[in-house]
């Protein structure tokens, strides 16, 4: 595990979620748009996980 990796940075995942939502907005309603919105939600979940990981990792440093 490399905590410096962008995969562990919440902002990385939030940016991906935002970019994916923008792509979805450009599409007409339908399955492709719905799929992109679902992917954006998964990116949001990854951002939350990264944030929790950072918080827990920071607690270990204090102890």
PDB file of N, CA and C in Angstrom:
ATOM      1  N   UNK A   1       0.829  -1.181   0.000  1.00  0.00           N
ATOM      2  CA  UNK A   1       0.000   0.000   0.000  1.00  0.00           C
ATOM      3  C   UNK A   1       0.870   1.241   0.000  1.00  0.00           C
ATOM      4  N   UNK A   2       0.565   2.131  -0.889  1.00  0.00           N
ATOM      5  CA  UNK A   2       1.292   3.391  -0.962  1.00  0.00           C
ATOM      6  C   UNK A   2       0.320   4.527  -0.649  1.00  0.00           C
ATOM      7  N   UNK A   3       0.351   5.049   0.581  1.00  0.00           N
ATOM      8  CA  UNK A   3      -0.601   6.086   0.961  1.00  0.00           C
ATOM      9  C   UNK A   3      -0.473   7.360   0.145  1.00  0.00           C
ATOM     10  N   UNK A   4       0.637   7.554  -0.538  1.00  0.00           N
ATOM     11  CA  UNK A   4       0.821   8.740  -1.379  1.00  0.00           C
ATOM     12  C   UNK A   4       0.146   8.579  -2.742  1.00  0.00           C
ATOM     13  N   UNK A   5      -0.239   7.375  -3.079  1.00  0.00           N
ATOM     14  CA  UNK A   5      -0.886   7.104  -4.360  1.00  0.00           C
ATOM     15  C   UNK A   5      -2.192   7.871  -4.462  1.00  0.00           C
ATOM     16  N   UNK A   6      -2.505   8.332  -5.669  1.00  0.00           N
ATOM     17  CA  UNK A   6      -3.756   9.066  -5.865  1.00  0.00           C
ATOM     18  C   UNK A   6      -4.977   8.193  -5.588  1.00  0.00           C
ATOM     19  N   UNK A   7      -4.798   6.896  -5.617  1.00  0.00           N
ATOM     20  CA  UNK A   7      -5.920   5.995  -5.328  1.00  0.00           C
ATOM     21  C   UNK A   7      -6.395   6.113  -3.882  1.00  0.00           C
ATOM     22  N   UNK A   8      -5.554   6.654  -3.024  1.00  0.00           N
ATOM     23  CA  UNK A   8      -5.902   6.833  -1.621  1.00  0.00           C
ATOM     24  C   UNK A   8      -6.312   8.275  -1.316  1.00  0.00           C
ATOM     25  N   UNK A   9      -6.457   9.093  -2.349  1.00  0.00           N
ATOM     26  CA  UNK A   9      -6.816  10.496  -2.180  1.00  0.00           C
ATOM     27  C   UNK A   9      -8.300  10.699  -2.526  1.00  0.00           C
ATOM     28  N   UNK A  10      -9.114  11.142  -1.568  1.00  0.00           N
ATOM     29  CA  UNK A  10     -10.543  11.351  -1.837  1.00  0.00           C
ATOM     30  C   UNK A  10     -10.797  12.301  -3.010  1.00  0.00           C
ATOM     31  N   UNK A  11      -9.985  13.338  -3.156  1.00  0.00           N
ATOM     32  CA  UNK A  11     -10.193  14.302  -4.235  1.00  0.00           C
ATOM     33  C   UNK A  11     -10.043  13.673  -5.619  1.00  0.00           C
ATOM     34  N   UNK A  12      -9.191  12.678  -5.722  1.00  0.00           N
ATOM     35  CA  UNK A  12      -9.039  11.965  -6.989  1.00  0.00           C
ATOM     36  C   UNK A  12     -10.368  11.347  -7.402  1.00  0.00           C
ATOM     37  N   UNK A  13     -11.013  10.646  -6.480  1.00  0.00           N
ATOM     38  CA  UNK A  13     -12.270   9.961  -6.772  1.00  0.00           C
ATOM     39  C   UNK A  13     -13.415  10.945  -6.959  1.00  0.00           C
ATOM     40  N   UNK A  14     -13.404  12.033  -6.193  1.00  0.00           N
ATOM     41  CA  UNK A  14     -14.448  13.055  -6.372  1.00  0.00           C
ATOM     42  C   UNK A  14     -14.347  13.696  -7.750  1.00  0.00           C
ATOM     43  N   UNK A  15     -13.131  13.924  -8.193  1.00  0.00           N
ATOM     44  CA  UNK A  15     -12.931  14.480  -9.529  1.00  0.00           C
ATOM     45  C   UNK A  15     -13.425  13.546 -10.622  1.00  0.00           C
ATOM     46  N   UNK A  16     -13.161  12.272 -10.439  1.00  0.00           N
ATOM     47  CA  UNK A  16     -13.644  11.289 -11.423  1.00  0.00           C
ATOM     48  C   UNK A  16     -15.160  11.237 -11.431  1.00  0.00           C
ATOM     49  N   UNK A  17     -15.760  11.315 -10.237  1.00  0.00           N
ATOM     50  CA  UNK A  17     -17.222  11.298 -10.147  1.00  0.00           C
ATOM     51  C   UNK A  17     -17.810  12.510 -10.867  1.00  0.00           C
ATOM     52  N   UNK A  18     -17.235  13.672 -10.635  1.00  0.00           N
ATOM     53  CA  UNK A  18     -17.724  14.901 -11.266  1.00  0.00           C
ATOM     54  C   UNK A  18     -17.600  14.829 -12.783  1.00  0.00           C
ATOM     55  N   UNK A  19     -16.446  14.368 -13.269  1.00  0.00           N
ATOM     56  CA  UNK A  19     -16.233  14.252 -14.715  1.00  0.00           C
ATOM     57  C   UNK A  19     -17.218  13.263 -15.337  1.00  0.00           C
ATOM     58  N   UNK A  20     -17.497  12.187 -14.644  1.00  0.00           N
ATOM     59  CA  UNK A  20     -18.424  11.183 -15.153  1.00  0.00           C
ATOM     60  C   UNK A  20     -19.841  11.731 -15.200  1.00  0.00           C
ATOM     61  N   UNK A  21     -20.219  12.502 -14.177  1.00  0.00           N
ATOM     62  CA  UNK A  21     -21.548  13.124 -14.185  1.00  0.00           C
ATOM     63  C   UNK A  21     -21.695  14.107 -15.345  1.00  0.00           C
ATOM     64  N   UNK A  22     -20.645  14.852 -15.642  1.00  0.00           N
ATOM     65  CA  UNK A  22     -20.688  15.792 -16.770  1.00  0.00           C
ATOM     66  C   UNK A  22     -20.899  15.051 -18.082  1.00  0.00           C
ATOM     67  N   UNK A  23     -20.228  13.917 -18.229  1.00  0.00           N
ATOM     68  CA  UNK A  23     -20.428  13.112 -19.434  1.00  0.00           C
ATOM     69  C   UNK A  23     -21.866  12.612 -19.515  1.00  0.00           C
ATOM     70  N   UNK A  24     -22.415  12.210 -18.370  1.00  0.00           N
ATOM     71  CA  UNK A  24     -23.785  11.705 -18.340  1.00  0.00           C
ATOM     72  C   UNK A  24     -24.778  12.804 -18.714  1.00  0.00           C
ATOM     73  N   UNK A  25     -24.513  14.035 -18.284  1.00  0.00           N
ATOM     74  CA  UNK A  25     -25.406  15.151 -18.599  1.00  0.00           C
ATOM     75  C   UNK A  25     -25.481  15.406 -20.098  1.00  0.00           C
ATOM     76  N   UNK A  26     -24.434  15.070 -20.811  1.00  0.00           N
ATOM     77  CA  UNK A  26     -24.394  15.296 -22.256  1.00  0.00           C
ATOM     78  C   UNK A  26     -25.209  14.259 -23.028  1.00  0.00           C
ATOM     79  N   UNK A  27     -25.601  13.195 -22.356  1.00  0.00           N
ATOM     80  CA  UNK A  27     -26.347  12.125 -23.020  1.00  0.00           C
ATOM     81  C   UNK A  27     -27.838  12.289 -22.807  1.00  0.00           C
ATOM     82  N   UNK A  28     -28.599  11.795 -23.761  1.00  0.00           N
ATOM     83  CA  UNK A  28     -30.048  11.749 -23.597  1.00  0.00           C
ATOM     84  C   UNK A  28     -30.361  10.671 -22.555  1.00  0.00           C
ATOM     85  N   UNK A  29     -31.545  10.738 -22.003  1.00  0.00           N
ATOM     86  CA  UNK A  29     -31.937   9.708 -21.036  1.00  0.00           C
ATOM     87  C   UNK A  29     -31.805   8.330 -21.670  1.00  0.00           C
ATOM     88  N   UNK A  30     -31.460   7.382 -20.866  1.00  0.00           N
ATOM     89  CA  UNK A  30     -31.324   6.026 -21.360  1.00  0.00           C
ATOM     90  C   UNK A  30     -30.304   5.248 -20.561  1.00  0.00           C
ATOM     91  N   UNK A  31     -30.077   4.022 -21.005  1.00  0.00           N
ATOM     92  CA  UNK A  31     -29.163   3.134 -20.294  1.00  0.00           C
ATOM     93  C   UNK A  31     -27.740   3.666 -20.191  1.00  0.00           C
ATOM     94  N   UNK A  32     -27.176   4.223 -21.254  1.00  0.00           N
ATOM     95  CA  UNK A  32     -25.796   4.731 -21.122  1.00  0.00           C
ATOM     96  C   UNK A  32     -25.683   5.840 -20.059  1.00  0.00           C
ATOM     97  N   UNK A  33     -26.650   6.735 -20.043  1.00  0.00           N
ATOM     98  CA  UNK A  33     -26.637   7.810 -19.044  1.00  0.00           C
ATOM     99  C   UNK A  33     -26.777   7.233 -17.637  1.00  0.00           C
ATOM    100  N   UNK A  34     -27.718   6.310 -17.475  1.00  0.00           N
ATOM    101  CA  UNK A  34     -27.922   5.683 -16.167  1.00  0.00           C
ATOM    102  C   UNK A  34     -26.667   4.959 -15.705  1.00  0.00           C
ATOM    103  N   UNK A  35     -25.991   4.309 -16.626  1.00  0.00           N
ATOM    104  CA  UNK A  35     -24.765   3.581 -16.277  1.00  0.00           C
ATOM    105  C   UNK A  35     -23.670   4.545 -15.817  1.00  0.00           C
ATOM    106  N   UNK A  36     -23.521   5.657 -16.519  1.00  0.00           N
ATOM    107  CA  UNK A  36     -22.524   6.636 -16.115  1.00  0.00           C
ATOM    108  C   UNK A  36     -22.839   7.224 -14.732  1.00  0.00           C
ATOM    109  N   UNK A  37     -24.109   7.467 -14.472  1.00  0.00           N
ATOM    110  CA  UNK A  37     -24.489   8.001 -13.160  1.00  0.00           C
ATOM    111  C   UNK A  37     -24.210   6.976 -12.058  1.00  0.00           C
ATOM    112  N   UNK A  38     -24.411   5.703 -12.363  1.00  0.00           N
ATOM    113  CA  UNK A  38     -24.104   4.657 -11.392  1.00  0.00           C
ATOM    114  C   UNK A  38     -22.587   4.598 -11.138  1.00  0.00           C
ATOM    115  N   UNK A  39     -21.811   4.735 -12.179  1.00  0.00           N
ATOM    116  CA  UNK A  39     -20.354   4.746 -12.027  1.00  0.00           C
ATOM    117  C   UNK A  39     -19.929   5.931 -11.169  1.00  0.00           C
ATOM    118  N   UNK A  40     -20.543   7.093 -11.388  1.00  0.00           N
ATOM    119  CA  UNK A  40     -20.221   8.274 -10.587  1.00  0.00           C
ATOM    120  C   UNK A  40     -20.520   8.021  -9.112  1.00  0.00           C
ATOM    121  N   UNK A  41     -21.617   7.347  -8.830  1.00  0.00           N
ATOM    122  CA  UNK A  41     -21.945   7.020  -7.434  1.00  0.00           C
ATOM    123  C   UNK A  41     -20.898   6.085  -6.836  1.00  0.00           C
ATOM    124  N   UNK A  42     -20.396   5.160  -7.628  1.00  0.00           N
ATOM    125  CA  UNK A  42     -19.349   4.259  -7.139  1.00  0.00           C
ATOM    126  C   UNK A  42     -18.057   5.030  -6.859  1.00  0.00           C
ATOM    127  N   UNK A  43     -17.744   6.005  -7.701  1.00  0.00           N
ATOM    128  CA  UNK A  43     -16.583   6.856  -7.442  1.00  0.00           C
ATOM    129  C   UNK A  43     -16.764   7.625  -6.130  1.00  0.00           C
ATOM    130  N   UNK A  44     -17.985   8.094  -5.877  1.00  0.00           N
ATOM    131  CA  UNK A  44     -18.264   8.778  -4.607  1.00  0.00           C
ATOM    132  C   UNK A  44     -18.015   7.852  -3.416  1.00  0.00           C
ATOM    133  N   UNK A  45     -18.402   6.602  -3.568  1.00  0.00           N
ATOM    134  CA  UNK A  45     -18.163   5.622  -2.493  1.00  0.00           C
ATOM    135  C   UNK A  45     -16.662   5.413  -2.275  1.00  0.00           C
ATOM    136  N   UNK A  46     -15.913   5.357  -3.367  1.00  0.00           N
ATOM    137  CA  UNK A  46     -14.462   5.207  -3.250  1.00  0.00           C
ATOM    138  C   UNK A  46     -13.847   6.427  -2.562  1.00  0.00           C
ATOM    139  N   UNK A  47     -14.381   7.610  -2.845  1.00  0.00           N
ATOM    140  CA  UNK A  47     -13.891   8.822  -2.179  1.00  0.00           C
ATOM    141  C   UNK A  47     -14.136   8.738  -0.681  1.00  0.00           C
ATOM    142  N   UNK A  48     -15.297   8.253  -0.291  1.00  0.00           N
ATOM    143  CA  UNK A  48     -15.589   8.104   1.138  1.00  0.00           C
ATOM    144  C   UNK A  48     -14.654   7.087   1.784  1.00  0.00           C
ATOM    145  N   UNK A  49     -14.404   5.994   1.088  1.00  0.00           N
ATOM    146  CA  UNK A  49     -13.489   4.983   1.628  1.00  0.00           C
ATOM    147  C   UNK A  49     -12.084   5.547   1.788  1.00  0.00           C
ATOM    148  N   UNK A  50     -11.646   6.320   0.809  1.00  0.00           N
ATOM    149  CA  UNK A  50     -10.316   6.920   0.887  1.00  0.00           C
ATOM    150  C   UNK A  50     -10.248   7.917   2.048  1.00  0.00           C
ATOM    151  N   UNK A  51     -11.341   8.647   2.252  1.00  0.00           N
ATOM    152  CA  UNK A  51     -11.374   9.602   3.356  1.00  0.00           C
ATOM    153  C   UNK A  51     -11.313   8.881   4.694  1.00  0.00           C
ATOM    154  N   UNK A  52     -12.060   7.806   4.832  1.00  0.00           N
ATOM    155  CA  UNK A  52     -12.020   7.010   6.063  1.00  0.00           C
ATOM    156  C   UNK A  52     -10.629   6.434   6.260  1.00  0.00           C
ATOM    157  N   UNK A  53     -10.034   5.934   5.190  1.00  0.00           N
ATOM    158  CA  UNK A  53      -8.693   5.367   5.283  1.00  0.00           C
ATOM    159  C   UNK A  53      -7.696   6.414   5.765  1.00  0.00           C
ATOM    160  N   UNK A  54      -7.790   7.631   5.201  1.00  0.00           N
ATOM    161  CA  UNK A  54      -6.884   8.700   5.624  1.00  0.00           C
ATOM    162  C   UNK A  54      -7.089   9.036   7.098  1.00  0.00           C
ATOM    163  N   UNK A  55      -8.343   9.083   7.524  1.00  0.00           N
ATOM    164  CA  UNK A  55      -8.650   9.400   8.913  1.00  0.00           C
ATOM    165  C   UNK A  55      -8.079   8.325   9.832  1.00  0.00           C
ATOM    166  N   UNK A  56      -8.306   7.082   9.496  1.00  0.00           N
ATOM    167  CA  UNK A  56      -7.795   5.983  10.324  1.00  0.00           C
ATOM    168  C   UNK A  56      -6.282   5.939  10.283  1.00  0.00           C
ATOM    169  N   UNK A  57      -5.701   6.213   9.133  1.00  0.00           N
ATOM    170  CA  UNK A  57      -4.253   6.216   9.012  1.00  0.00           C
ATOM    171  C   UNK A  57      -3.653   7.332   9.865  1.00  0.00           C
ATOM    172  N   UNK A  58      -4.312   8.472   9.905  1.00  0.00           N
ATOM    173  CA  UNK A  58      -3.860   9.579  10.707  1.00  0.00           C
ATOM    174  C   UNK A  58      -3.935   9.288  12.198  1.00  0.00           C
ATOM    175  N   UNK A  59      -4.947   8.512  12.617  1.00  0.00           N
ATOM    176  CA  UNK A  59      -5.086   8.141  14.018  1.00  0.00           C
ATOM    177  C   UNK A  59      -3.942   7.238  14.431  1.00  0.00           C
ATOM    178  N   UNK A  60      -3.506   6.360  13.536  1.00  0.00           N
ATOM    179  CA  UNK A  60      -2.397   5.469  13.847  1.00  0.00           C
ATOM    180  C   UNK A  60      -1.114   6.251  14.079  1.00  0.00           C
ATOM    181  N   UNK A  61      -0.942   7.343  13.334  1.00  0.00           N
ATOM    182  CA  UNK A  61       0.254   8.162  13.476  1.00  0.00           C
ATOM    183  C   UNK A  61       0.319   8.873  14.812  1.00  0.00           C
ATOM    184  N   UNK A  62      -0.860   9.215  15.366  1.00  0.00           N
ATOM    185  CA  UNK A  62      -0.932   9.938  16.631  1.00  0.00           C
ATOM    186  C   UNK A  62      -0.624   9.020  17.793  1.00  0.00           C
ATOM    187  N   UNK A  63      -1.103   7.784  17.713  1.00  0.00           N
ATOM    188  CA  UNK A  63      -0.954   6.838  18.829  1.00  0.00           C
ATOM    189  C   UNK A  63       0.459   6.385  19.031  1.00  0.00           C
TER     190      UNK A  63
END
